[in-house]
């Protein structure tokens, strides 16, 4: 079986764990997780998972590529599944301005270029 990732965002050369830590630190300093904390979403067992915390911000940082450690997908929409089962995201649904704003904030925070518009990416692993 082949695992596949379908995402809307950017790819970048950065360590995934480092990227997640930097984004979460910046989000905490800027108060971006305040509402999630107030709603109790940071109290459960999943709250320690950096990707769960980023998903509360509408962001995803996934390790994907040809096996290099420093390849990441920084996205606002992600579906990871077996290639034959990849049906989750509606590619025709317009991307909202707030999604683009979150992506631009993430790329700026990580010091990665975001010169072009974000786009749809499909990556397949054997």
C-alpha atoms as a PDB file:
ATOM      1  CA  UNK A   1       0.000   0.000   0.000  1.00  0.00           C
ATOM      2  CA  UNK A   2       1.032   3.579  -0.599  1.00  0.00           C
ATOM      3  CA  UNK A   3       0.508   6.313   1.982  1.00  0.00           C
ATOM      4  CA  UNK A   4      -0.411   9.674   0.578  1.00  0.00           C
ATOM      5  CA  UNK A   5      -0.592  13.227   1.832  1.00  0.00           C
ATOM      6  CA  UNK A   6      -2.829  15.827   0.245  1.00  0.00           C
ATOM      7  CA  UNK A   7      -2.248  19.295   1.670  1.00  0.00           C
ATOM      8  CA  UNK A   8      -2.850  22.958   0.970  1.00  0.00           C
ATOM      9  CA  UNK A   9       0.109  25.063   1.993  1.00  0.00           C
ATOM     10  CA  UNK A  10       3.837  25.181   1.460  1.00  0.00           C
ATOM     11  CA  UNK A  11       6.756  22.816   1.611  1.00  0.00           C
ATOM     12  CA  UNK A  12       9.932  23.886   3.312  1.00  0.00           C
ATOM     13  CA  UNK A  13      13.334  22.721   4.392  1.00  0.00           C
ATOM     14  CA  UNK A  14      13.062  22.670   8.166  1.00  0.00           C
ATOM     15  CA  UNK A  15      13.092  20.015  10.863  1.00  0.00           C
ATOM     16  CA  UNK A  16       9.466  19.152  11.691  1.00  0.00           C
ATOM     17  CA  UNK A  17       9.972  19.001  15.454  1.00  0.00           C
ATOM     18  CA  UNK A  18      11.816  22.325  15.433  1.00  0.00           C
ATOM     19  CA  UNK A  19       9.101  23.921  13.273  1.00  0.00           C
ATOM     20  CA  UNK A  20       6.335  22.727  15.590  1.00  0.00           C
ATOM     21  CA  UNK A  21       8.177  23.995  18.669  1.00  0.00           C
ATOM     22  CA  UNK A  22       8.874  27.410  17.105  1.00  0.00           C
ATOM     23  CA  UNK A  23       5.272  27.866  15.971  1.00  0.00           C
ATOM     24  CA  UNK A  24       3.847  26.857  19.347  1.00  0.00           C
ATOM     25  CA  UNK A  25       6.226  29.151  21.225  1.00  0.00           C
ATOM     26  CA  UNK A  26       5.302  32.069  18.959  1.00  0.00           C
ATOM     27  CA  UNK A  27       1.589  31.246  19.251  1.00  0.00           C
ATOM     28  CA  UNK A  28       1.803  31.230  23.052  1.00  0.00           C
ATOM     29  CA  UNK A  29       3.735  34.500  23.129  1.00  0.00           C
ATOM     30  CA  UNK A  30       1.175  36.111  20.821  1.00  0.00           C
ATOM     31  CA  UNK A  31      -1.816  34.709  22.727  1.00  0.00           C
ATOM     32  CA  UNK A  32      -3.046  32.646  19.784  1.00  0.00           C
ATOM     33  CA  UNK A  33      -3.874  29.666  22.014  1.00  0.00           C
ATOM     34  CA  UNK A  34      -5.705  31.698  24.657  1.00  0.00           C
ATOM     35  CA  UNK A  35      -9.224  30.771  23.477  1.00  0.00           C
ATOM     36  CA  UNK A  36      -8.354  27.082  23.136  1.00  0.00           C
ATOM     37  CA  UNK A  37      -7.009  27.129  26.680  1.00  0.00           C
ATOM     38  CA  UNK A  38     -10.091  28.951  27.967  1.00  0.00           C
ATOM     39  CA  UNK A  39     -12.303  26.336  26.274  1.00  0.00           C
ATOM     40  CA  UNK A  40     -10.404  23.536  28.056  1.00  0.00           C
ATOM     41  CA  UNK A  41      -8.963  22.120  24.847  1.00  0.00           C
ATOM     42  CA  UNK A  42      -5.459  22.074  26.315  1.00  0.00           C
ATOM     43  CA  UNK A  43      -6.413  20.077  29.403  1.00  0.00           C
ATOM     44  CA  UNK A  44      -6.778  16.539  28.009  1.00  0.00           C
ATOM     45  CA  UNK A  45      -4.209  13.857  27.260  1.00  0.00           C
ATOM     46  CA  UNK A  46      -3.870  15.042  23.640  1.00  0.00           C
ATOM     47  CA  UNK A  47      -2.804  18.486  24.843  1.00  0.00           C
ATOM     48  CA  UNK A  48       0.850  17.427  25.071  1.00  0.00           C
ATOM     49  CA  UNK A  49       0.955  16.558  21.357  1.00  0.00           C
ATOM     50  CA  UNK A  50       2.438  19.512  19.445  1.00  0.00           C
ATOM     51  CA  UNK A  51       0.520  18.654  16.259  1.00  0.00           C
ATOM     52  CA  UNK A  52      -2.753  18.596  18.207  1.00  0.00           C
ATOM     53  CA  UNK A  53      -1.972  22.056  19.577  1.00  0.00           C
ATOM     54  CA  UNK A  54      -1.137  23.333  16.082  1.00  0.00           C
ATOM     55  CA  UNK A  55      -4.384  21.874  14.736  1.00  0.00           C
ATOM     56  CA  UNK A  56      -6.229  24.109  17.220  1.00  0.00           C
ATOM     57  CA  UNK A  57      -4.653  26.993  15.319  1.00  0.00           C
ATOM     58  CA  UNK A  58      -5.684  25.504  11.978  1.00  0.00           C
ATOM     59  CA  UNK A  59      -2.096  24.618  11.082  1.00  0.00           C
ATOM     60  CA  UNK A  60      -0.336  21.351  10.331  1.00  0.00           C
ATOM     61  CA  UNK A  61       3.369  20.598  10.079  1.00  0.00           C
ATOM     62  CA  UNK A  62       3.987  17.160   8.664  1.00  0.00           C
ATOM     63  CA  UNK A  63       7.170  15.283   7.825  1.00  0.00           C
ATOM     64  CA  UNK A  64       6.900  14.271   4.237  1.00  0.00           C
ATOM     65  CA  UNK A  65       9.197  13.902   1.312  1.00  0.00           C
ATOM     66  CA  UNK A  66      11.836  11.512   0.136  1.00  0.00           C
ATOM     67  CA  UNK A  67      13.084  10.579   3.568  1.00  0.00           C
ATOM     68  CA  UNK A  68      15.161  13.642   4.369  1.00  0.00           C
ATOM     69  CA  UNK A  69      14.684  14.779   7.931  1.00  0.00           C
ATOM     70  CA  UNK A  70      14.472  18.459   7.070  1.00  0.00           C
ATOM     71  CA  UNK A  71      11.526  18.323   4.675  1.00  0.00           C
ATOM     72  CA  UNK A  72       8.188  19.528   5.968  1.00  0.00           C
ATOM     73  CA  UNK A  73       4.766  20.445   4.707  1.00  0.00           C
ATOM     74  CA  UNK A  74       3.310  23.509   6.446  1.00  0.00           C
ATOM     75  CA  UNK A  75      -0.407  23.520   5.678  1.00  0.00           C
ATOM     76  CA  UNK A  76      -3.858  24.648   6.717  1.00  0.00           C
ATOM     77  CA  UNK A  77      -5.601  21.601   5.203  1.00  0.00           C
ATOM     78  CA  UNK A  78      -4.237  18.063   5.355  1.00  0.00           C
ATOM     79  CA  UNK A  79      -5.467  14.572   4.620  1.00  0.00           C
ATOM     80  CA  UNK A  80      -3.161  11.594   5.147  1.00  0.00           C
ATOM     81  CA  UNK A  81      -4.436   8.187   4.094  1.00  0.00           C
ATOM     82  CA  UNK A  82      -3.776   5.189   1.932  1.00  0.00           C
ATOM     83  CA  UNK A  83      -3.618   6.426  -1.648  1.00  0.00           C
ATOM     84  CA  UNK A  84      -6.757   4.499  -2.631  1.00  0.00           C
ATOM     85  CA  UNK A  85      -8.681   6.060   0.293  1.00  0.00           C
ATOM     86  CA  UNK A  86      -7.611   9.655  -0.223  1.00  0.00           C
ATOM     87  CA  UNK A  87     -10.910  11.468  -0.629  1.00  0.00           C
ATOM     88  CA  UNK A  88     -11.170  13.777   2.377  1.00  0.00           C
ATOM     89  CA  UNK A  89     -10.525  17.281   1.078  1.00  0.00           C
ATOM     90  CA  UNK A  90     -12.620  19.245  -1.379  1.00  0.00           C
ATOM     91  CA  UNK A  91     -10.131  20.758  -3.812  1.00  0.00           C
ATOM     92  CA  UNK A  92     -12.783  23.041  -5.278  1.00  0.00           C
ATOM     93  CA  UNK A  93     -13.598  24.679  -1.940  1.00  0.00           C
ATOM     94  CA  UNK A  94     -12.072  28.154  -1.911  1.00  0.00           C
ATOM     95  CA  UNK A  95      -9.327  28.829   0.597  1.00  0.00           C
ATOM     96  CA  UNK A  96     -10.349  31.501   3.084  1.00  0.00           C
ATOM     97  CA  UNK A  97      -8.298  34.623   3.746  1.00  0.00           C
ATOM     98  CA  UNK A  98      -7.776  33.586   7.382  1.00  0.00           C
ATOM     99  CA  UNK A  99      -6.241  30.296   6.207  1.00  0.00           C
ATOM    100  CA  UNK A 100      -3.795  32.198   4.005  1.00  0.00           C
ATOM    101  CA  UNK A 101      -3.054  34.558   6.915  1.00  0.00           C
ATOM    102  CA  UNK A 102      -2.237  31.604   9.194  1.00  0.00           C
ATOM    103  CA  UNK A 103       0.053  30.099   6.546  1.00  0.00           C
ATOM    104  CA  UNK A 104       1.835  33.399   5.976  1.00  0.00           C
ATOM    105  CA  UNK A 105       2.254  33.869   9.746  1.00  0.00           C
ATOM    106  CA  UNK A 106       3.691  30.341  10.040  1.00  0.00           C
ATOM    107  CA  UNK A 107       6.141  30.795   7.179  1.00  0.00           C
ATOM    108  CA  UNK A 108       7.281  34.192   8.489  1.00  0.00           C
ATOM    109  CA  UNK A 109       7.676  32.786  12.003  1.00  0.00           C
ATOM    110  CA  UNK A 110       9.770  29.910  10.648  1.00  0.00           C
ATOM    111  CA  UNK A 111      11.861  32.220   8.485  1.00  0.00           C
ATOM    112  CA  UNK A 112      10.841  30.371   5.325  1.00  0.00           C
ATOM    113  CA  UNK A 113      10.006  32.032   2.007  1.00  0.00           C
ATOM    114  CA  UNK A 114       6.336  32.373   1.123  1.00  0.00           C
ATOM    115  CA  UNK A 115       6.725  34.407  -2.044  1.00  0.00           C
ATOM    116  CA  UNK A 116       4.227  32.430  -4.100  1.00  0.00           C
ATOM    117  CA  UNK A 117       0.636  31.628  -3.279  1.00  0.00           C
ATOM    118  CA  UNK A 118       0.224  28.452  -1.232  1.00  0.00           C
ATOM    119  CA  UNK A 119      -0.930  25.503  -3.289  1.00  0.00           C
ATOM    120  CA  UNK A 120      -2.199  21.950  -3.267  1.00  0.00           C
ATOM    121  CA  UNK A 121       0.435  19.254  -2.874  1.00  0.00           C
ATOM    122  CA  UNK A 122       0.202  15.502  -3.245  1.00  0.00           C
ATOM    123  CA  UNK A 123       2.997  13.324  -1.945  1.00  0.00           C
ATOM    124  CA  UNK A 124       3.063   9.525  -2.050  1.00  0.00           C
ATOM    125  CA  UNK A 125       5.267   7.187  -0.070  1.00  0.00           C
ATOM    126  CA  UNK A 126       5.771   3.540  -0.992  1.00  0.00           C
END
